[in-house]
Amino acid sequence: MSQDKTATLTIRKLQASDAAAFLSVRLAGLKECPAAFGSSYAEEESHKVEDVAGRLPPTPDNSYFFLGAFTGEPRLAGIIAYQRNAKLKQRHGGSIYAAYVLPEYRRLGVGHALVSAAIEEVRSLSGMRFLQLWVGIENVQARAMYEKVGFKATGLLPAALCVDGKYYDEALMTLDLTAPR
């Protein structure tokens, strides 16, 4: 793949009309990288496009949204989700999750663009102080990309996931939204 594939990359919030493309990318991620997600392919393969369409649109206050990276073809090349903490005493924080980029679009800046766009969207929300995410210890490339945009490892959960009898540790990474950029 060449940089030309991402020359006209567009990052935007996903809507109900993106459900089929989203589901395709989501299932590809669950199948290819089972140790990267808390959910499994078996749990989500039977999801219907109509059901996914109901979950995709952002909430009116943007406390929950999915972003998609679209190439000029147009094709959905990657996804990422955000959810603000629901409890009143925790509303100053939120989580990024479900990040995945199709293999043919990796190392072209798509993941970085998605994470950066999510961070900027969250920075625009009132009262936000931090973002968190969990990433597999073995996923060196993803951890390095998150560090590049400012996340720092702040914790470790041993045996966070069990896939086919093998346990995987995950690192908690946190971005201080109040720190100078």
N, C-alpha and C. Protein backbone atom coordinates (compact mmCIF):
# COMPACT_ATOMS: atom_id res chain seq x y z
N MET A 1 0.83 -1.19 0.00
CA MET A 1 0.00 0.00 0.00
C MET A 1 0.88 1.24 0.00
N SER A 2 0.45 2.21 -0.69
CA SER A 2 1.19 3.46 -0.74
C SER A 2 0.46 4.54 0.04
N GLN A 3 1.17 5.62 0.28
CA GLN A 3 0.59 6.76 0.99
C GLN A 3 -0.60 7.32 0.19
N ASP A 4 -0.65 7.06 -1.12
CA ASP A 4 -1.75 7.54 -1.95
C ASP A 4 -3.11 7.06 -1.43
N LYS A 5 -3.15 5.88 -0.83
CA LYS A 5 -4.39 5.33 -0.31
C LYS A 5 -4.97 6.20 0.79
N THR A 6 -4.11 6.94 1.50
CA THR A 6 -4.59 7.76 2.60
C THR A 6 -4.45 9.26 2.31
N ALA A 7 -4.13 9.61 1.08
CA ALA A 7 -3.93 11.02 0.73
C ALA A 7 -5.19 11.85 0.99
N THR A 8 -6.34 11.25 0.81
CA THR A 8 -7.59 11.98 1.03
C THR A 8 -8.34 11.40 2.23
N LEU A 9 -7.62 11.07 3.27
CA LEU A 9 -8.21 10.49 4.46
C LEU A 9 -9.15 11.49 5.13
N THR A 10 -10.34 11.01 5.45
CA THR A 10 -11.34 11.82 6.15
C THR A 10 -11.71 11.11 7.44
N ILE A 11 -11.65 11.83 8.55
CA ILE A 11 -12.07 11.30 9.84
C ILE A 11 -13.39 11.98 10.20
N ARG A 12 -14.39 11.18 10.52
CA ARG A 12 -15.68 11.77 10.91
C ARG A 12 -16.42 10.83 11.85
N LYS A 13 -17.41 11.41 12.54
CA LYS A 13 -18.26 10.61 13.41
C LYS A 13 -19.11 9.68 12.57
N LEU A 14 -19.21 8.45 13.02
CA LEU A 14 -20.01 7.47 12.30
C LEU A 14 -21.50 7.68 12.60
N GLN A 15 -22.31 7.38 11.62
CA GLN A 15 -23.76 7.52 11.71
C GLN A 15 -24.40 6.16 11.40
N ALA A 16 -25.68 6.08 11.56
CA ALA A 16 -26.40 4.83 11.30
C ALA A 16 -26.14 4.30 9.90
N SER A 17 -26.00 5.20 8.94
CA SER A 17 -25.76 4.79 7.55
C SER A 17 -24.40 4.11 7.35
N ASP A 18 -23.51 4.20 8.33
CA ASP A 18 -22.19 3.57 8.24
C ASP A 18 -22.18 2.17 8.87
N ALA A 19 -23.32 1.68 9.31
CA ALA A 19 -23.37 0.44 10.10
C ALA A 19 -22.78 -0.76 9.38
N ALA A 20 -23.10 -0.96 8.12
CA ALA A 20 -22.58 -2.15 7.41
C ALA A 20 -21.06 -2.09 7.30
N ALA A 21 -20.51 -0.94 6.94
CA ALA A 21 -19.06 -0.79 6.84
C ALA A 21 -18.41 -0.96 8.21
N PHE A 22 -19.02 -0.36 9.23
CA PHE A 22 -18.49 -0.49 10.59
C PHE A 22 -18.46 -1.95 11.02
N LEU A 23 -19.56 -2.65 10.82
CA LEU A 23 -19.65 -4.04 11.25
C LEU A 23 -18.59 -4.89 10.54
N SER A 24 -18.37 -4.64 9.28
CA SER A 24 -17.36 -5.36 8.52
C SER A 24 -15.97 -5.15 9.11
N VAL A 25 -15.63 -3.90 9.42
CA VAL A 25 -14.31 -3.59 9.99
C VAL A 25 -14.21 -4.15 11.41
N ARG A 26 -15.25 -4.01 12.18
CA ARG A 26 -15.25 -4.51 13.56
C ARG A 26 -15.02 -6.03 13.58
N LEU A 27 -15.76 -6.75 12.76
CA LEU A 27 -15.60 -8.21 12.73
C LEU A 27 -14.22 -8.61 12.22
N ALA A 28 -13.68 -7.87 11.27
CA ALA A 28 -12.32 -8.15 10.78
C ALA A 28 -11.33 -8.01 11.93
N GLY A 29 -11.49 -6.98 12.74
CA GLY A 29 -10.60 -6.78 13.87
C GLY A 29 -10.71 -7.88 14.91
N LEU A 30 -11.93 -8.26 15.23
CA LEU A 30 -12.14 -9.32 16.22
C LEU A 30 -11.57 -10.65 15.74
N LYS A 31 -11.66 -10.89 14.44
CA LYS A 31 -11.14 -12.15 13.88
C LYS A 31 -9.61 -12.14 13.82
N GLU A 32 -9.06 -11.03 13.33
CA GLU A 32 -7.61 -10.95 13.15
C GLU A 32 -6.85 -10.82 14.47
N CYS A 33 -7.37 -10.04 15.39
CA CYS A 33 -6.65 -9.70 16.62
C CYS A 33 -7.49 -10.02 17.86
N PRO A 34 -7.77 -11.28 18.12
CA PRO A 34 -8.66 -11.61 19.24
C PRO A 34 -8.14 -11.15 20.61
N ALA A 35 -6.84 -11.01 20.76
CA ALA A 35 -6.28 -10.58 22.04
C ALA A 35 -6.29 -9.07 22.22
N ALA A 36 -6.80 -8.34 21.24
CA ALA A 36 -6.82 -6.88 21.31
C ALA A 36 -8.15 -6.32 21.79
N PHE A 37 -9.15 -7.17 21.97
CA PHE A 37 -10.48 -6.69 22.29
C PHE A 37 -11.10 -7.50 23.42
N GLY A 38 -11.90 -6.86 24.24
CA GLY A 38 -12.60 -7.57 25.30
C GLY A 38 -13.71 -8.45 24.77
N SER A 39 -14.25 -8.08 23.64
CA SER A 39 -15.30 -8.87 23.00
C SER A 39 -14.66 -9.88 22.05
N SER A 40 -15.46 -10.82 21.58
CA SER A 40 -14.93 -11.82 20.66
C SER A 40 -15.74 -11.86 19.37
N TYR A 41 -15.13 -12.43 18.35
CA TYR A 41 -15.82 -12.62 17.08
C TYR A 41 -17.09 -13.44 17.27
N ALA A 42 -17.00 -14.50 18.07
CA ALA A 42 -18.16 -15.37 18.30
C ALA A 42 -19.32 -14.60 18.94
N GLU A 43 -18.99 -13.63 19.80
CA GLU A 43 -20.04 -12.85 20.46
C GLU A 43 -20.69 -11.83 19.53
N GLU A 44 -19.98 -11.39 18.51
CA GLU A 44 -20.50 -10.30 17.67
C GLU A 44 -20.83 -10.68 16.24
N GLU A 45 -20.46 -11.89 15.80
CA GLU A 45 -20.69 -12.25 14.39
C GLU A 45 -22.17 -12.28 14.02
N SER A 46 -23.04 -12.48 14.98
CA SER A 46 -24.47 -12.54 14.67
C SER A 46 -25.17 -11.18 14.79
N HIS A 47 -24.42 -10.13 15.11
CA HIS A 47 -25.03 -8.80 15.20
C HIS A 47 -25.59 -8.39 13.84
N LYS A 48 -26.76 -7.83 13.89
CA LYS A 48 -27.41 -7.37 12.66
C LYS A 48 -27.04 -5.92 12.39
N VAL A 49 -26.96 -5.57 11.12
CA VAL A 49 -26.63 -4.21 10.72
C VAL A 49 -27.61 -3.22 11.35
N GLU A 50 -28.88 -3.57 11.41
CA GLU A 50 -29.89 -2.68 11.99
C GLU A 50 -29.61 -2.38 13.46
N ASP A 51 -29.16 -3.41 14.19
CA ASP A 51 -28.85 -3.22 15.61
C ASP A 51 -27.62 -2.33 15.78
N VAL A 52 -26.62 -2.57 14.96
CA VAL A 52 -25.40 -1.76 15.01
C VAL A 52 -25.72 -0.32 14.65
N ALA A 53 -26.61 -0.12 13.67
CA ALA A 53 -26.99 1.23 13.25
C ALA A 53 -27.57 2.03 14.41
N GLY A 54 -28.27 1.37 15.31
CA GLY A 54 -28.84 2.06 16.46
C GLY A 54 -27.81 2.48 17.49
N ARG A 55 -26.64 1.83 17.49
CA ARG A 55 -25.58 2.15 18.46
C ARG A 55 -24.56 3.15 17.94
N LEU A 56 -24.50 3.37 16.65
CA LEU A 56 -23.43 4.19 16.07
C LEU A 56 -23.57 5.70 16.26
N PRO A 57 -24.74 6.28 16.09
CA PRO A 57 -24.79 7.74 16.16
C PRO A 57 -24.31 8.27 17.51
N PRO A 58 -23.59 9.39 17.50
CA PRO A 58 -23.12 9.97 18.75
C PRO A 58 -24.29 10.48 19.59
N THR A 59 -24.08 10.54 20.89
CA THR A 59 -25.10 11.12 21.77
C THR A 59 -25.11 12.63 21.54
N PRO A 60 -26.23 13.30 21.84
CA PRO A 60 -26.31 14.74 21.62
C PRO A 60 -25.21 15.54 22.34
N ASP A 61 -24.78 15.06 23.50
CA ASP A 61 -23.73 15.78 24.25
C ASP A 61 -22.33 15.26 23.95
N ASN A 62 -22.22 14.37 22.97
CA ASN A 62 -20.94 13.76 22.57
C ASN A 62 -20.26 13.00 23.70
N SER A 63 -21.04 12.48 24.64
CA SER A 63 -20.44 11.67 25.70
C SER A 63 -20.14 10.26 25.19
N TYR A 64 -20.54 9.98 23.97
CA TYR A 64 -20.31 8.67 23.35
C TYR A 64 -20.30 8.88 21.85
N PHE A 65 -19.25 8.40 21.19
CA PHE A 65 -19.22 8.48 19.73
C PHE A 65 -18.22 7.48 19.17
N PHE A 66 -18.42 7.16 17.90
CA PHE A 66 -17.48 6.37 17.12
C PHE A 66 -16.94 7.28 16.02
N LEU A 67 -15.66 7.17 15.76
CA LEU A 67 -15.06 7.86 14.62
C LEU A 67 -14.63 6.82 13.60
N GLY A 68 -14.69 7.21 12.35
CA GLY A 68 -14.22 6.35 11.28
C GLY A 68 -13.24 7.09 10.41
N ALA A 69 -12.24 6.37 9.91
CA ALA A 69 -11.28 6.93 8.96
C ALA A 69 -11.66 6.40 7.58
N PHE A 70 -12.02 7.31 6.71
CA PHE A 70 -12.44 6.95 5.35
C PHE A 70 -11.37 7.37 4.35
N THR A 71 -11.04 6.46 3.46
CA THR A 71 -10.08 6.76 2.41
C THR A 71 -10.83 7.39 1.25
N GLY A 72 -10.08 7.88 0.28
CA GLY A 72 -10.68 8.53 -0.87
C GLY A 72 -11.44 7.61 -1.80
N GLU A 73 -11.38 6.31 -1.54
CA GLU A 73 -12.00 5.33 -2.45
C GLU A 73 -13.52 5.36 -2.49
N PRO A 74 -14.39 5.65 -1.62
CA PRO A 74 -14.20 5.73 -0.17
C PRO A 74 -14.32 4.35 0.47
N ARG A 75 -13.53 4.15 1.47
CA ARG A 75 -13.56 2.89 2.22
C ARG A 75 -13.28 3.20 3.68
N LEU A 76 -14.00 2.52 4.55
CA LEU A 76 -13.75 2.65 5.98
C LEU A 76 -12.50 1.85 6.29
N ALA A 77 -11.43 2.55 6.67
CA ALA A 77 -10.13 1.91 6.89
C ALA A 77 -9.85 1.66 8.36
N GLY A 78 -10.54 2.38 9.24
CA GLY A 78 -10.29 2.21 10.67
C GLY A 78 -11.39 2.84 11.51
N ILE A 79 -11.45 2.40 12.76
CA ILE A 79 -12.49 2.86 13.68
C ILE A 79 -11.90 3.09 15.07
N ILE A 80 -12.59 3.90 15.85
CA ILE A 80 -12.25 4.12 17.25
C ILE A 80 -13.51 4.61 17.95
N ALA A 81 -13.63 4.28 19.23
CA ALA A 81 -14.80 4.68 20.01
C ALA A 81 -14.37 5.46 21.24
N TYR A 82 -15.27 6.29 21.73
CA TYR A 82 -15.05 7.08 22.94
C TYR A 82 -16.32 7.02 23.79
N GLN A 83 -16.12 6.94 25.10
CA GLN A 83 -17.24 7.04 26.03
C GLN A 83 -16.80 7.82 27.27
N ARG A 84 -17.58 8.82 27.59
CA ARG A 84 -17.32 9.61 28.80
C ARG A 84 -17.79 8.82 30.00
N ASN A 85 -17.10 8.94 31.11
CA ASN A 85 -17.52 8.27 32.33
C ASN A 85 -18.90 8.79 32.73
N ALA A 86 -19.77 7.89 33.13
CA ALA A 86 -21.17 8.24 33.40
C ALA A 86 -21.41 8.80 34.80
N LYS A 87 -20.67 8.35 35.77
CA LYS A 87 -20.90 8.78 37.16
C LYS A 87 -20.51 10.24 37.33
N LEU A 88 -21.31 10.98 38.07
CA LEU A 88 -21.12 12.41 38.27
C LEU A 88 -19.72 12.75 38.75
N LYS A 89 -19.19 11.99 39.68
CA LYS A 89 -17.86 12.27 40.24
C LYS A 89 -16.73 11.84 39.32
N GLN A 90 -17.08 11.19 38.21
CA GLN A 90 -16.06 10.72 37.27
C GLN A 90 -16.21 11.32 35.88
N ARG A 91 -17.11 12.28 35.71
CA ARG A 91 -17.43 12.83 34.39
C ARG A 91 -16.28 13.62 33.78
N HIS A 92 -15.22 13.85 34.51
CA HIS A 92 -14.07 14.57 33.97
C HIS A 92 -13.12 13.64 33.20
N GLY A 93 -13.51 12.37 33.08
CA GLY A 93 -12.68 11.41 32.36
C GLY A 93 -13.49 10.57 31.40
N GLY A 94 -12.78 9.89 30.54
CA GLY A 94 -13.44 9.02 29.57
C GLY A 94 -12.46 8.01 29.03
N SER A 95 -12.97 7.12 28.18
CA SER A 95 -12.16 6.03 27.64
C SER A 95 -12.24 5.97 26.13
N ILE A 96 -11.12 5.61 25.55
CA ILE A 96 -11.04 5.27 24.13
C ILE A 96 -10.98 3.75 24.07
N TYR A 97 -11.70 3.17 23.12
CA TYR A 97 -11.71 1.71 23.00
C TYR A 97 -12.09 1.33 21.57
N ALA A 98 -12.04 0.03 21.31
CA ALA A 98 -12.46 -0.54 20.01
C ALA A 98 -11.68 0.03 18.83
N ALA A 99 -10.44 0.44 19.05
CA ALA A 99 -9.63 0.98 17.95
C ALA A 99 -9.10 -0.15 17.08
N TYR A 100 -9.24 0.03 15.78
CA TYR A 100 -8.75 -0.97 14.84
C TYR A 100 -8.56 -0.33 13.47
N VAL A 101 -7.47 -0.70 12.82
CA VAL A 101 -7.18 -0.25 11.46
C VAL A 101 -6.97 -1.50 10.61
N LEU A 102 -7.62 -1.56 9.46
CA LEU A 102 -7.43 -2.69 8.54
C LEU A 102 -5.95 -2.83 8.19
N PRO A 103 -5.47 -4.06 8.04
CA PRO A 103 -4.03 -4.29 7.81
C PRO A 103 -3.43 -3.50 6.65
N GLU A 104 -4.15 -3.36 5.56
CA GLU A 104 -3.59 -2.67 4.39
C GLU A 104 -3.45 -1.17 4.59
N TYR A 105 -3.98 -0.64 5.70
CA TYR A 105 -3.88 0.80 5.97
C TYR A 105 -2.99 1.10 7.18
N ARG A 106 -2.32 0.09 7.69
CA ARG A 106 -1.42 0.30 8.83
C ARG A 106 -0.11 0.90 8.35
N ARG A 107 0.55 1.59 9.27
CA ARG A 107 1.83 2.25 9.01
C ARG A 107 1.72 3.36 7.98
N LEU A 108 0.49 3.85 7.80
CA LEU A 108 0.25 4.97 6.89
C LEU A 108 -0.30 6.18 7.63
N GLY A 109 -0.37 6.08 8.96
CA GLY A 109 -0.84 7.20 9.76
C GLY A 109 -2.33 7.18 10.07
N VAL A 110 -3.03 6.14 9.66
CA VAL A 110 -4.48 6.08 9.89
C VAL A 110 -4.80 5.98 11.38
N GLY A 111 -4.11 5.09 12.09
CA GLY A 111 -4.34 4.94 13.53
C GLY A 111 -4.03 6.22 14.28
N HIS A 112 -2.91 6.84 13.94
CA HIS A 112 -2.52 8.11 14.56
C HIS A 112 -3.57 9.18 14.30
N ALA A 113 -4.06 9.24 13.07
CA ALA A 113 -5.08 10.23 12.72
C ALA A 113 -6.37 10.00 13.50
N LEU A 114 -6.77 8.75 13.65
CA LEU A 114 -7.99 8.43 14.41
C LEU A 114 -7.85 8.82 15.88
N VAL A 115 -6.74 8.42 16.49
CA VAL A 115 -6.54 8.73 17.91
C VAL A 115 -6.44 10.24 18.11
N SER A 116 -5.71 10.91 17.25
CA SER A 116 -5.57 12.37 17.36
C SER A 116 -6.91 13.07 17.21
N ALA A 117 -7.73 12.60 16.28
CA ALA A 117 -9.06 13.20 16.09
C ALA A 117 -9.95 12.96 17.31
N ALA A 118 -9.87 11.77 17.88
CA ALA A 118 -10.65 11.48 19.09
C ALA A 118 -10.21 12.38 20.23
N ILE A 119 -8.91 12.55 20.40
CA ILE A 119 -8.39 13.41 21.46
C ILE A 119 -8.89 14.85 21.28
N GLU A 120 -8.81 15.36 20.06
CA GLU A 120 -9.26 16.74 19.82
C GLU A 120 -10.75 16.89 20.07
N GLU A 121 -11.52 15.90 19.68
CA GLU A 121 -12.97 15.95 19.94
C GLU A 121 -13.23 15.97 21.44
N VAL A 122 -12.52 15.14 22.19
CA VAL A 122 -12.70 15.09 23.64
C VAL A 122 -12.24 16.39 24.30
N ARG A 123 -11.15 16.96 23.81
CA ARG A 123 -10.67 18.24 24.36
C ARG A 123 -11.72 19.34 24.23
N SER A 124 -12.59 19.23 23.22
CA SER A 124 -13.61 20.26 23.01
C SER A 124 -14.78 20.13 23.99
N LEU A 125 -14.84 19.03 24.72
CA LEU A 125 -15.93 18.81 25.66
C LEU A 125 -15.62 19.51 26.98
N SER A 126 -16.60 20.10 27.56
CA SER A 126 -16.44 20.84 28.81
C SER A 126 -16.06 19.92 29.98
N GLY A 127 -15.07 20.35 30.73
CA GLY A 127 -14.73 19.66 31.98
C GLY A 127 -13.87 18.42 31.87
N MET A 128 -13.40 18.08 30.68
CA MET A 128 -12.60 16.86 30.53
C MET A 128 -11.17 17.08 31.02
N ARG A 129 -10.67 16.11 31.81
CA ARG A 129 -9.32 16.19 32.36
C ARG A 129 -8.42 15.04 31.92
N PHE A 130 -9.01 13.89 31.61
CA PHE A 130 -8.16 12.76 31.20
C PHE A 130 -8.90 11.80 30.29
N LEU A 131 -8.11 11.06 29.53
CA LEU A 131 -8.58 9.96 28.69
C LEU A 131 -7.79 8.72 29.08
N GLN A 132 -8.45 7.58 29.07
CA GLN A 132 -7.79 6.32 29.37
C GLN A 132 -8.06 5.31 28.27
N LEU A 133 -7.19 4.32 28.20
CA LEU A 133 -7.40 3.20 27.29
C LEU A 133 -6.62 2.01 27.82
N TRP A 134 -7.02 0.84 27.39
CA TRP A 134 -6.30 -0.40 27.70
C TRP A 134 -5.71 -0.92 26.41
N VAL A 135 -4.47 -1.38 26.48
CA VAL A 135 -3.81 -1.92 25.30
C VAL A 135 -2.97 -3.12 25.72
N GLY A 136 -2.97 -4.15 24.89
CA GLY A 136 -2.21 -5.35 25.18
C GLY A 136 -0.72 -5.06 25.30
N ILE A 137 -0.09 -5.62 26.31
CA ILE A 137 1.34 -5.44 26.51
C ILE A 137 2.12 -5.88 25.27
N GLU A 138 1.67 -6.93 24.63
CA GLU A 138 2.36 -7.45 23.45
C GLU A 138 2.17 -6.61 22.20
N ASN A 139 1.24 -5.67 22.23
CA ASN A 139 0.95 -4.82 21.08
C ASN A 139 1.88 -3.60 21.10
N VAL A 140 3.13 -3.85 20.79
CA VAL A 140 4.18 -2.83 20.90
C VAL A 140 3.91 -1.64 19.98
N GLN A 141 3.46 -1.90 18.76
CA GLN A 141 3.22 -0.80 17.81
C GLN A 141 2.11 0.12 18.30
N ALA A 142 1.02 -0.45 18.80
CA ALA A 142 -0.08 0.39 19.29
C ALA A 142 0.37 1.19 20.51
N ARG A 143 1.07 0.55 21.42
CA ARG A 143 1.55 1.26 22.61
C ARG A 143 2.45 2.43 22.22
N ALA A 144 3.34 2.22 21.26
CA ALA A 144 4.24 3.28 20.81
C ALA A 144 3.45 4.43 20.18
N MET A 145 2.43 4.11 19.41
CA MET A 145 1.61 5.16 18.79
C MET A 145 0.86 5.96 19.85
N TYR A 146 0.32 5.28 20.86
CA TYR A 146 -0.39 5.98 21.93
C TYR A 146 0.58 6.89 22.70
N GLU A 147 1.79 6.41 22.94
CA GLU A 147 2.79 7.23 23.63
C GLU A 147 3.14 8.46 22.79
N LYS A 148 3.19 8.29 21.49
CA LYS A 148 3.54 9.39 20.58
C LYS A 148 2.53 10.54 20.68
N VAL A 149 1.26 10.22 20.93
CA VAL A 149 0.25 11.27 21.06
C VAL A 149 0.07 11.74 22.50
N GLY A 150 0.87 11.20 23.43
CA GLY A 150 0.86 11.73 24.79
C GLY A 150 0.37 10.82 25.89
N PHE A 151 -0.11 9.63 25.56
CA PHE A 151 -0.55 8.70 26.60
C PHE A 151 0.67 8.17 27.35
N LYS A 152 0.47 7.91 28.64
CA LYS A 152 1.52 7.32 29.47
C LYS A 152 0.96 6.09 30.16
N ALA A 153 1.82 5.06 30.29
CA ALA A 153 1.41 3.85 31.00
C ALA A 153 1.21 4.21 32.47
N THR A 154 0.04 3.86 33.01
CA THR A 154 -0.27 4.19 34.40
C THR A 154 -0.70 2.98 35.21
N GLY A 155 -0.75 1.82 34.58
CA GLY A 155 -1.14 0.62 35.31
C GLY A 155 -0.99 -0.62 34.47
N LEU A 156 -1.15 -1.75 35.12
CA LEU A 156 -1.03 -3.05 34.47
C LEU A 156 -2.09 -3.97 35.04
N LEU A 157 -2.78 -4.68 34.16
CA LEU A 157 -3.74 -5.68 34.59
C LEU A 157 -3.27 -7.04 34.06
N PRO A 158 -2.64 -7.84 34.93
CA PRO A 158 -2.19 -9.16 34.50
C PRO A 158 -3.39 -10.04 34.13
N ALA A 159 -3.20 -10.86 33.12
CA ALA A 159 -4.23 -11.81 32.68
C ALA A 159 -5.58 -11.13 32.44
N ALA A 160 -5.54 -9.97 31.82
CA ALA A 160 -6.76 -9.20 31.55
C ALA A 160 -7.71 -9.95 30.62
N LEU A 161 -7.15 -10.63 29.64
CA LEU A 161 -7.96 -11.37 28.67
C LEU A 161 -7.47 -12.80 28.59
N CYS A 162 -8.41 -13.70 28.29
CA CYS A 162 -8.06 -15.09 28.06
C CYS A 162 -8.60 -15.47 26.68
N VAL A 163 -7.70 -15.80 25.77
CA VAL A 163 -8.07 -16.18 24.41
C VAL A 163 -7.53 -17.57 24.15
N ASP A 164 -8.43 -18.50 23.91
CA ASP A 164 -8.04 -19.88 23.63
C ASP A 164 -7.10 -20.45 24.69
N GLY A 165 -7.39 -20.14 25.94
CA GLY A 165 -6.61 -20.68 27.05
C GLY A 165 -5.33 -19.94 27.36
N LYS A 166 -4.98 -18.93 26.57
CA LYS A 166 -3.78 -18.12 26.83
C LYS A 166 -4.20 -16.78 27.44
N TYR A 167 -3.46 -16.36 28.47
CA TYR A 167 -3.77 -15.11 29.14
C TYR A 167 -2.89 -13.98 28.61
N TYR A 168 -3.50 -12.80 28.52
CA TYR A 168 -2.81 -11.62 28.00
C TYR A 168 -2.91 -10.49 29.01
N ASP A 169 -1.77 -9.86 29.29
CA ASP A 169 -1.73 -8.69 30.17
C ASP A 169 -2.08 -7.45 29.36
N GLU A 170 -2.68 -6.47 30.03
CA GLU A 170 -2.97 -5.20 29.38
C GLU A 170 -2.42 -4.05 30.21
N ALA A 171 -1.97 -3.02 29.51
CA ALA A 171 -1.50 -1.80 30.15
C ALA A 171 -2.62 -0.76 30.12
N LEU A 172 -2.79 -0.09 31.24
CA LEU A 172 -3.67 1.07 31.30
C LEU A 172 -2.83 2.27 30.91
N MET A 173 -3.31 3.03 29.93
CA MET A 173 -2.60 4.22 29.52
C MET A 173 -3.52 5.42 29.70
N THR A 174 -2.95 6.53 30.15
CA THR A 174 -3.72 7.71 30.47
C THR A 174 -3.12 8.94 29.78
N LEU A 175 -3.99 9.79 29.29
CA LEU A 175 -3.59 11.07 28.69
C LEU A 175 -4.14 12.18 29.57
N ASP A 176 -3.26 13.03 30.08
CA ASP A 176 -3.65 14.19 30.88
C ASP A 176 -4.03 15.30 29.92
N LEU A 177 -5.32 15.59 29.84
CA LEU A 177 -5.81 16.60 28.91
C LEU A 177 -5.53 18.03 29.38
N THR A 178 -5.10 18.16 30.64
CA THR A 178 -4.80 19.50 31.17
C THR A 178 -3.33 19.89 30.98
N ALA A 179 -2.50 18.92 30.62
CA ALA A 179 -1.07 19.18 30.41
C ALA A 179 -0.86 19.98 29.13
N PRO A 180 0.18 20.82 29.11
CA PRO A 180 0.47 21.54 27.87
C PRO A 180 0.75 20.58 26.74
N ARG A 181 0.35 20.94 25.55
CA ARG A 181 0.53 20.06 24.39
C ARG A 181 1.95 20.08 23.89
